[in-house]
Amino acid sequence: MLKVQVGKSTTGFLYAKSQTDLIHTEVPASRQVRGRWLSEALRMLVDACLLDDPKWYAPLSEALAPRPGECILDCGPGSALRALYYANRFPEAKFTAVEFDRRRIARAFKRSSSMSLPNYKAMTFEDARRVPFSASQFDKAMLVLNLHGLEPADKIKNLRELRRIVRRGGIVLAADIDQPKASREDVILRVTQLLYGAEATRSHTSGTWPKFLSEAGFTGARRLSEHPIWIGRMALVRSRKQ
């Protein structure tokens, strides 16, 4: 059965007051009113146009290349179902999903009802906000669609915490919104800018956001692939903790 941790957790991913928190999900007070409907619209856009687009999954799987005994973190929208797929495909590796939306975890639970996957667990950011992961706990990590809504300082804070929980020599794969190169590819960035502000999206609009991996202490940050997704463009970036 799918293991979903509720209440108690082993991570400190929600940015609040702790210096070890990883993911900033708070909307500034000035944007909370419009944020109520924009965040829901953004979630539907992400589900329909980003998470359900198979073009960037193949290179992500190829770059991840799970090995027996590895502990792998999948963090971000869609992680519950994505990590479930990987756990079923690679039964000798262990996968932990940290998901934004309880509804996605519920869908993963329903899909896994006939599966026995002791190598898989999932939790929401809300459930997983009190106790941080241990240092060097993971061999690899996937950070999917987490950075484009963060201001630069929060991007670096989050990536530094990710660096703490990945072992030396471990791989981090970041898949996020990249510089638009065709009409309509700026839609997702425009919506994100309305919700989180121009500072959050500026480096994604210019395509320079991988620099934050280097500033957080990762080495060898480089694009592996880019993929148009109708309302945006996704880039997959690989880096390593040295």
C-alpha atoms as a PDB file:
ATOM      1  CA  MET A   1       0.000   0.000   0.000  1.00  0.00           C
ATOM      2  CA  LEU A   2       1.019   3.562  -0.543  1.00  0.00           C
ATOM      3  CA  LYS A   3       2.501   5.027   2.606  1.00  0.00           C
ATOM      4  CA  VAL A   4       1.244   8.546   3.215  1.00  0.00           C
ATOM      5  CA  GLN A   5       2.613  10.261   6.296  1.00  0.00           C
ATOM      6  CA  VAL A   6       0.190  12.642   7.943  1.00  0.00           C
ATOM      7  CA  GLY A   7       0.958  14.890  10.883  1.00  0.00           C
ATOM      8  CA  LYS A   8       4.386  13.486  11.770  1.00  0.00           C
ATOM      9  CA  SER A   9       7.138  13.817   9.214  1.00  0.00           C
ATOM     10  CA  THR A  10      10.830  13.774   8.530  1.00  0.00           C
ATOM     11  CA  THR A  11      11.288  17.048   6.714  1.00  0.00           C
ATOM     12  CA  GLY A  12      11.236  20.792   7.208  1.00  0.00           C
ATOM     13  CA  PHE A  13      10.235  21.957   3.773  1.00  0.00           C
ATOM     14  CA  LEU A  14       7.830  24.817   4.340  1.00  0.00           C
ATOM     15  CA  TYR A  15       9.484  28.217   4.545  1.00  0.00           C
ATOM     16  CA  ALA A  16       8.297  29.977   7.683  1.00  0.00           C
ATOM     17  CA  LYS A  17      10.649  31.088  10.475  1.00  0.00           C
ATOM     18  CA  SER A  18      13.146  28.230  10.607  1.00  0.00           C
ATOM     19  CA  GLN A  19      16.468  28.737   8.882  1.00  0.00           C
ATOM     20  CA  THR A  20      16.416  25.073   7.866  1.00  0.00           C
ATOM     21  CA  ASP A  21      13.111  25.277   5.997  1.00  0.00           C
ATOM     22  CA  LEU A  22      13.266  24.566   2.301  1.00  0.00           C
ATOM     23  CA  ILE A  23      10.231  25.632   0.326  1.00  0.00           C
ATOM     24  CA  HIS A  24       8.637  29.078   0.535  1.00  0.00           C
ATOM     25  CA  THR A  25       4.882  28.847  -0.046  1.00  0.00           C
ATOM     26  CA  GLU A  26       3.646  32.008   1.646  1.00  0.00           C
ATOM     27  CA  VAL A  27       2.057  34.713  -0.515  1.00  0.00           C
ATOM     28  CA  PRO A  28       2.762  38.327   0.511  1.00  0.00           C
ATOM     29  CA  ALA A  29      -0.231  40.019   2.163  1.00  0.00           C
ATOM     30  CA  SER A  30      -0.616  42.492  -0.707  1.00  0.00           C
ATOM     31  CA  ARG A  31      -1.239  39.592  -3.086  1.00  0.00           C
ATOM     32  CA  GLN A  32      -3.399  37.333  -0.919  1.00  0.00           C
ATOM     33  CA  VAL A  33      -6.770  38.406  -2.386  1.00  0.00           C
ATOM     34  CA  ARG A  34      -5.872  37.825  -6.011  1.00  0.00           C
ATOM     35  CA  GLY A  35      -3.737  34.900  -4.914  1.00  0.00           C
ATOM     36  CA  ARG A  36      -6.779  32.924  -3.791  1.00  0.00           C
ATOM     37  CA  TRP A  37      -8.065  32.442  -7.320  1.00  0.00           C
ATOM     38  CA  LEU A  38      -4.768  32.791  -9.146  1.00  0.00           C
ATOM     39  CA  SER A  39      -3.152  29.975  -7.168  1.00  0.00           C
ATOM     40  CA  GLU A  40      -6.022  27.649  -8.087  1.00  0.00           C
ATOM     41  CA  ALA A  41      -5.797  28.726 -11.725  1.00  0.00           C
ATOM     42  CA  LEU A  42      -2.048  28.176 -11.631  1.00  0.00           C
ATOM     43  CA  ARG A  43      -2.525  24.700 -10.156  1.00  0.00           C
ATOM     44  CA  MET A  44      -4.923  23.751 -12.953  1.00  0.00           C
ATOM     45  CA  LEU A  45      -2.532  25.118 -15.574  1.00  0.00           C
ATOM     46  CA  VAL A  46       0.340  23.182 -14.025  1.00  0.00           C
ATOM     47  CA  ASP A  47      -1.698  19.969 -13.966  1.00  0.00           C
ATOM     48  CA  ALA A  48      -3.023  20.308 -17.499  1.00  0.00           C
ATOM     49  CA  CYS A  49      -0.013  21.673 -19.347  1.00  0.00           C
ATOM     50  CA  LEU A  50       3.124  20.895 -17.351  1.00  0.00           C
ATOM     51  CA  LEU A  51       2.730  17.790 -15.200  1.00  0.00           C
ATOM     52  CA  ASP A  52       0.746  15.904 -17.841  1.00  0.00           C
ATOM     53  CA  ASP A  53       3.187  16.676 -20.654  1.00  0.00           C
ATOM     54  CA  PRO A  54       5.359  13.581 -21.266  1.00  0.00           C
ATOM     55  CA  LYS A  55       8.115  15.309 -23.259  1.00  0.00           C
ATOM     56  CA  TRP A  56      10.284  16.202 -20.268  1.00  0.00           C
ATOM     57  CA  TYR A  57       9.683  12.989 -18.293  1.00  0.00           C
ATOM     58  CA  ALA A  58      11.897  10.829 -20.506  1.00  0.00           C
ATOM     59  CA  PRO A  59      15.048  12.950 -20.062  1.00  0.00           C
ATOM     60  CA  LEU A  60      14.288  13.282 -16.339  1.00  0.00           C
ATOM     61  CA  SER A  61      14.115   9.489 -15.983  1.00  0.00           C
ATOM     62  CA  GLU A  62      17.286   9.050 -18.009  1.00  0.00           C
ATOM     63  CA  ALA A  63      19.168  11.594 -15.902  1.00  0.00           C
ATOM     64  CA  LEU A  64      17.856  10.191 -12.618  1.00  0.00           C
ATOM     65  CA  ALA A  65      18.981   6.621 -13.388  1.00  0.00           C
ATOM     66  CA  PRO A  66      18.071   5.156  -9.957  1.00  0.00           C
ATOM     67  CA  ARG A  67      20.444   2.523  -8.599  1.00  0.00           C
ATOM     68  CA  PRO A  68      19.721  -0.227  -6.054  1.00  0.00           C
ATOM     69  CA  GLY A  69      19.849   1.080  -2.495  1.00  0.00           C
ATOM     70  CA  GLU A  70      19.670   4.768  -3.387  1.00  0.00           C
ATOM     71  CA  CYS A  71      17.402   7.123  -1.431  1.00  0.00           C
ATOM     72  CA  ILE A  72      15.786   9.632  -3.776  1.00  0.00           C
ATOM     73  CA  LEU A  73      13.744  12.730  -2.960  1.00  0.00           C
ATOM     74  CA  ASP A  74      11.065  14.052  -5.320  1.00  0.00           C
ATOM     75  CA  CYS A  75       9.935  17.507  -4.271  1.00  0.00           C
ATOM     76  CA  GLY A  76       7.240  19.617  -5.869  1.00  0.00           C
ATOM     77  CA  PRO A  77       3.917  19.506  -7.717  1.00  0.00           C
ATOM     78  CA  GLY A  78       3.153  16.044  -9.068  1.00  0.00           C
ATOM     79  CA  SER A  79       5.763  14.330  -6.919  1.00  0.00           C
ATOM     80  CA  ALA A  80       3.301  11.884  -5.337  1.00  0.00           C
ATOM     81  CA  LEU A  81       2.368  10.280  -8.652  1.00  0.00           C
ATOM     82  CA  ARG A  82       5.783  10.746 -10.221  1.00  0.00           C
ATOM     83  CA  ALA A  83       7.624   9.065  -7.352  1.00  0.00           C
ATOM     84  CA  LEU A  84       4.979   6.332  -7.299  1.00  0.00           C
ATOM     85  CA  TYR A  85       5.808   5.584 -10.928  1.00  0.00           C
ATOM     86  CA  TYR A  86       9.522   5.464 -10.172  1.00  0.00           C
ATOM     87  CA  ALA A  87       9.054   3.319  -7.059  1.00  0.00           C
ATOM     88  CA  ASN A  88       7.135   0.759  -9.090  1.00  0.00           C
ATOM     89  CA  ARG A  89       9.680   0.836 -11.905  1.00  0.00           C
ATOM     90  CA  PHE A  90      12.764   0.756  -9.661  1.00  0.00           C
ATOM     91  CA  PRO A  91      11.823  -1.416  -6.644  1.00  0.00           C
ATOM     92  CA  GLU A  92      15.374  -1.560  -5.250  1.00  0.00           C
ATOM     93  CA  ALA A  93      15.594   2.224  -4.751  1.00  0.00           C
ATOM     94  CA  LYS A  94      13.691   4.204  -2.097  1.00  0.00           C
ATOM     95  CA  PHE A  95      11.576   7.224  -3.020  1.00  0.00           C
ATOM     96  CA  THR A  96      10.205  10.013  -0.834  1.00  0.00           C
ATOM     97  CA  ALA A  97       7.682  12.448  -2.312  1.00  0.00           C
ATOM     98  CA  VAL A  98       6.940  15.868  -0.832  1.00  0.00           C
ATOM     99  CA  GLU A  99       3.817  17.169  -2.534  1.00  0.00           C
ATOM    100  CA  PHE A 100       2.017  20.518  -2.476  1.00  0.00           C
ATOM    101  CA  ASP A 101      -1.505  19.193  -2.874  1.00  0.00           C
ATOM    102  CA  ARG A 102      -3.353  16.613  -0.771  1.00  0.00           C
ATOM    103  CA  ARG A 103      -5.588  15.884  -3.749  1.00  0.00           C
ATOM    104  CA  ARG A 104      -2.599  14.657  -5.727  1.00  0.00           C
ATOM    105  CA  ILE A 105      -1.585  12.407  -2.828  1.00  0.00           C
ATOM    106  CA  ALA A 106      -5.151  11.070  -2.692  1.00  0.00           C
ATOM    107  CA  ARG A 107      -4.976  10.278  -6.401  1.00  0.00           C
ATOM    108  CA  ALA A 108      -1.665   8.503  -5.882  1.00  0.00           C
ATOM    109  CA  PHE A 109      -3.144   6.534  -2.983  1.00  0.00           C
ATOM    110  CA  LYS A 110      -6.106   5.464  -5.116  1.00  0.00           C
ATOM    111  CA  ARG A 111      -3.829   4.431  -7.970  1.00  0.00           C
ATOM    112  CA  SER A 112      -1.573   2.454  -5.652  1.00  0.00           C
ATOM    113  CA  SER A 113      -4.378   0.567  -3.882  1.00  0.00           C
ATOM    114  CA  SER A 114      -3.476  -2.666  -5.655  1.00  0.00           C
ATOM    115  CA  MET A 115       0.294  -2.175  -5.321  1.00  0.00           C
ATOM    116  CA  SER A 116       2.702  -3.124  -2.561  1.00  0.00           C
ATOM    117  CA  LEU A 117       5.492  -0.554  -2.497  1.00  0.00           C
ATOM    118  CA  PRO A 118       7.560  -0.562   0.701  1.00  0.00           C
ATOM    119  CA  ASN A 119      10.096   1.654  -1.098  1.00  0.00           C
ATOM    120  CA  TYR A 120       7.698   4.604  -1.354  1.00  0.00           C
ATOM    121  CA  LYS A 121       6.289   7.234   0.979  1.00  0.00           C
ATOM    122  CA  ALA A 122       4.563  10.548   0.360  1.00  0.00           C
ATOM    123  CA  MET A 123       3.674  13.601   2.407  1.00  0.00           C
ATOM    124  CA  THR A 124       2.408  17.116   1.861  1.00  0.00           C
ATOM    125  CA  PHE A 125       4.427  20.236   2.605  1.00  0.00           C
ATOM    126  CA  GLU A 126       1.905  21.024   5.328  1.00  0.00           C
ATOM    127  CA  ASP A 127       2.482  17.628   6.938  1.00  0.00           C
ATOM    128  CA  ALA A 128       6.228  17.868   6.503  1.00  0.00           C
ATOM    129  CA  ARG A 129       7.105  21.202   8.032  1.00  0.00           C
ATOM    130  CA  ARG A 130       8.350  20.565  11.563  1.00  0.00           C
ATOM    131  CA  VAL A 131      11.329  18.186  11.645  1.00  0.00           C
ATOM    132  CA  PRO A 132      14.019  18.582   8.955  1.00  0.00           C
ATOM    133  CA  PHE A 133      15.520  15.721   7.011  1.00  0.00           C
ATOM    134  CA  SER A 134      18.880  14.493   8.258  1.00  0.00           C
ATOM    135  CA  ALA A 135      22.046  15.837   6.677  1.00  0.00           C
ATOM    136  CA  SER A 136      23.183  13.792   3.670  1.00  0.00           C
ATOM    137  CA  GLN A 137      20.018  11.670   3.830  1.00  0.00           C
ATOM    138  CA  PHE A 138      19.468  11.446   0.062  1.00  0.00           C
ATOM    139  CA  ASP A 139      21.642  10.200  -2.768  1.00  0.00           C
ATOM    140  CA  LYS A 140      19.696  12.143  -5.390  1.00  0.00           C
ATOM    141  CA  ALA A 141      16.952  14.747  -5.461  1.00  0.00           C
ATOM    142  CA  MET A 142      14.462  16.013  -8.020  1.00  0.00           C
ATOM    143  CA  LEU A 143      13.282  19.593  -7.568  1.00  0.00           C
ATOM    144  CA  VAL A 144      10.370  20.081  -9.954  1.00  0.00           C
ATOM    145  CA  LEU A 145       8.624  23.424 -10.528  1.00  0.00           C
ATOM    146  CA  ASN A 146       9.664  24.832  -7.164  1.00  0.00           C
ATOM    147  CA  LEU A 147      11.911  27.772  -7.983  1.00  0.00           C
ATOM    148  CA  HIS A 148       9.957  30.017 -10.360  1.00  0.00           C
ATOM    149  CA  GLY A 149       7.648  31.277  -7.590  1.00  0.00           C
ATOM    150  CA  LEU A 150      10.487  32.242  -5.235  1.00  0.00           C
ATOM    151  CA  GLU A 151      12.338  35.527  -4.921  1.00  0.00           C
ATOM    152  CA  PRO A 152      16.130  35.230  -5.361  1.00  0.00           C
ATOM    153  CA  ALA A 153      16.969  35.115  -1.645  1.00  0.00           C
ATOM    154  CA  ASP A 154      14.464  32.312  -1.092  1.00  0.00           C
ATOM    155  CA  LYS A 155      15.718  30.389  -4.114  1.00  0.00           C
ATOM    156  CA  ILE A 156      19.192  30.330  -2.551  1.00  0.00           C
ATOM    157  CA  LYS A 157      17.921  29.487   0.953  1.00  0.00           C
ATOM    158  CA  ASN A 158      15.932  26.561  -0.366  1.00  0.00           C
ATOM    159  CA  LEU A 159      18.733  25.229  -2.524  1.00  0.00           C
ATOM    160  CA  ARG A 160      21.193  25.458   0.373  1.00  0.00           C
ATOM    161  CA  GLU A 161      18.858  23.364   2.500  1.00  0.00           C
ATOM    162  CA  LEU A 162      18.562  20.895  -0.365  1.00  0.00           C
ATOM    163  CA  ARG A 163      22.350  20.775  -0.514  1.00  0.00           C
ATOM    164  CA  ARG A 164      22.440  19.964   3.200  1.00  0.00           C
ATOM    165  CA  ILE A 165      20.208  16.910   2.875  1.00  0.00           C
ATOM    166  CA  VAL A 166      21.928  15.488  -0.224  1.00  0.00           C
ATOM    167  CA  ARG A 167      25.096  13.477   0.349  1.00  0.00           C
ATOM    168  CA  ARG A 168      28.482  14.509  -0.991  1.00  0.00           C
ATOM    169  CA  GLY A 169      28.667  13.510  -4.640  1.00  0.00           C
ATOM    170  CA  GLY A 170      24.861  13.406  -4.822  1.00  0.00           C
ATOM    171  CA  ILE A 171      22.945  14.591  -7.872  1.00  0.00           C
ATOM    172  CA  VAL A 172      20.234  17.259  -7.953  1.00  0.00           C
ATOM    173  CA  LEU A 173      17.948  17.527 -10.975  1.00  0.00           C
ATOM    174  CA  ALA A 174      15.973  20.769 -11.215  1.00  0.00           C
ATOM    175  CA  ALA A 175      13.133  20.992 -13.732  1.00  0.00           C
ATOM    176  CA  ASP A 176      11.568  24.426 -13.945  1.00  0.00           C
ATOM    177  CA  ILE A 177      10.164  27.157 -16.154  1.00  0.00           C
ATOM    178  CA  ASP A 178      12.734  28.572 -18.556  1.00  0.00           C
ATOM    179  CA  GLN A 179      13.146  31.467 -20.982  1.00  0.00           C
ATOM    180  CA  PRO A 180      10.262  31.698 -23.499  1.00  0.00           C
ATOM    181  CA  LYS A 181      11.320  31.196 -27.106  1.00  0.00           C
ATOM    182  CA  ALA A 182       7.962  31.210 -28.886  1.00  0.00           C
ATOM    183  CA  SER A 183       4.533  32.807 -28.619  1.00  0.00           C
ATOM    184  CA  ARG A 184       2.416  31.635 -25.666  1.00  0.00           C
ATOM    185  CA  GLU A 185       5.494  30.268 -23.870  1.00  0.00           C
ATOM    186  CA  ASP A 186       5.380  33.259 -21.524  1.00  0.00           C
ATOM    187  CA  VAL A 187       1.858  32.528 -20.217  1.00  0.00           C
ATOM    188  CA  ILE A 188       2.893  30.533 -17.159  1.00  0.00           C
ATOM    189  CA  LEU A 189       5.481  33.174 -16.242  1.00  0.00           C
ATOM    190  CA  ARG A 190       2.914  35.967 -16.536  1.00  0.00           C
ATOM    191  CA  VAL A 191       0.545  34.128 -14.203  1.00  0.00           C
ATOM    192  CA  THR A 192       3.382  33.407 -11.773  1.00  0.00           C
ATOM    193  CA  GLN A 193       4.456  37.061 -11.831  1.00  0.00           C
ATOM    194  CA  LEU A 194       0.929  38.171 -10.909  1.00  0.00           C
ATOM    195  CA  LEU A 195       0.985  35.823  -7.933  1.00  0.00           C
ATOM    196  CA  TYR A 196       4.573  36.100  -6.681  1.00  0.00           C
ATOM    197  CA  GLY A 197       6.001  39.261  -8.274  1.00  0.00           C
ATOM    198  CA  ALA A 198       8.536  40.152 -10.941  1.00  0.00           C
ATOM    199  CA  GLU A 199      11.602  39.381  -8.805  1.00  0.00           C
ATOM    200  CA  ALA A 200      10.588  35.732  -8.602  1.00  0.00           C
ATOM    201  CA  THR A 201      10.237  35.237 -12.348  1.00  0.00           C
ATOM    202  CA  ARG A 202      12.975  37.522 -13.706  1.00  0.00           C
ATOM    203  CA  SER A 203      15.721  34.873 -13.843  1.00  0.00           C
ATOM    204  CA  HIS A 204      13.322  32.405 -15.458  1.00  0.00           C
ATOM    205  CA  THR A 205      12.278  34.924 -18.098  1.00  0.00           C
ATOM    206  CA  SER A 206      15.961  35.512 -18.913  1.00  0.00           C
ATOM    207  CA  GLY A 207      16.909  31.838 -18.618  1.00  0.00           C
ATOM    208  CA  THR A 208      19.557  32.546 -15.967  1.00  0.00           C
ATOM    209  CA  TRP A 209      17.888  30.728 -13.036  1.00  0.00           C
ATOM    210  CA  PRO A 210      20.397  27.786 -13.035  1.00  0.00           C
ATOM    211  CA  LYS A 211      22.940  30.237 -11.589  1.00  0.00           C
ATOM    212  CA  PHE A 212      21.221  29.882  -8.217  1.00  0.00           C
ATOM    213  CA  LEU A 213      22.311  26.242  -8.037  1.00  0.00           C
ATOM    214  CA  SER A 214      25.912  27.412  -8.292  1.00  0.00           C
ATOM    215  CA  GLU A 215      25.355  30.215  -5.774  1.00  0.00           C
ATOM    216  CA  ALA A 216      23.930  27.659  -3.337  1.00  0.00           C
ATOM    217  CA  GLY A 217      27.103  25.583  -3.556  1.00  0.00           C
ATOM    218  CA  PHE A 218      26.318  22.977  -6.204  1.00  0.00           C
ATOM    219  CA  THR A 219      28.862  22.357  -8.949  1.00  0.00           C
ATOM    220  CA  GLY A 220      28.621  21.619 -12.655  1.00  0.00           C
ATOM    221  CA  ALA A 221      25.144  23.073 -13.159  1.00  0.00           C
ATOM    222  CA  ARG A 222      24.194  22.560 -16.799  1.00  0.00           C
ATOM    223  CA  ARG A 223      21.108  22.204 -18.937  1.00  0.00           C
ATOM    224  CA  LEU A 224      20.380  18.678 -20.063  1.00  0.00           C
ATOM    225  CA  SER A 225      17.327  19.499 -22.173  1.00  0.00           C
ATOM    226  CA  GLU A 226      14.612  22.054 -22.941  1.00  0.00           C
ATOM    227  CA  HIS A 227      10.992  21.341 -23.806  1.00  0.00           C
ATOM    228  CA  PRO A 228       8.146  23.550 -25.083  1.00  0.00           C
ATOM    229  CA  ILE A 229       4.933  22.938 -23.143  1.00  0.00           C
ATOM    230  CA  TRP A 230       2.427  25.182 -24.965  1.00  0.00           C
ATOM    231  CA  ILE A 231       2.084  27.823 -22.231  1.00  0.00           C
ATOM    232  CA  GLY A 232       5.727  27.737 -21.201  1.00  0.00           C
ATOM    233  CA  ARG A 233       9.104  26.120 -21.638  1.00  0.00           C
ATOM    234  CA  MET A 234      10.680  23.635 -19.251  1.00  0.00           C
ATOM    235  CA  ALA A 235      14.409  23.162 -18.748  1.00  0.00           C
ATOM    236  CA  LEU A 236      16.063  20.238 -16.985  1.00  0.00           C
ATOM    237  CA  VAL A 237      19.263  21.179 -15.148  1.00  0.00           C
ATOM    238  CA  ARG A 238      21.719  18.788 -13.528  1.00  0.00           C
ATOM    239  CA  SER A 239      24.117  19.683 -10.723  1.00  0.00           C
ATOM    240  CA  ARG A 240      26.155  17.913  -8.066  1.00  0.00           C
ATOM    241  CA  LYS A 241      27.093  18.368  -4.428  1.00  0.00           C
ATOM    242  CA  GLN A 242      30.878  18.219  -4.238  1.00  0.00           C
END
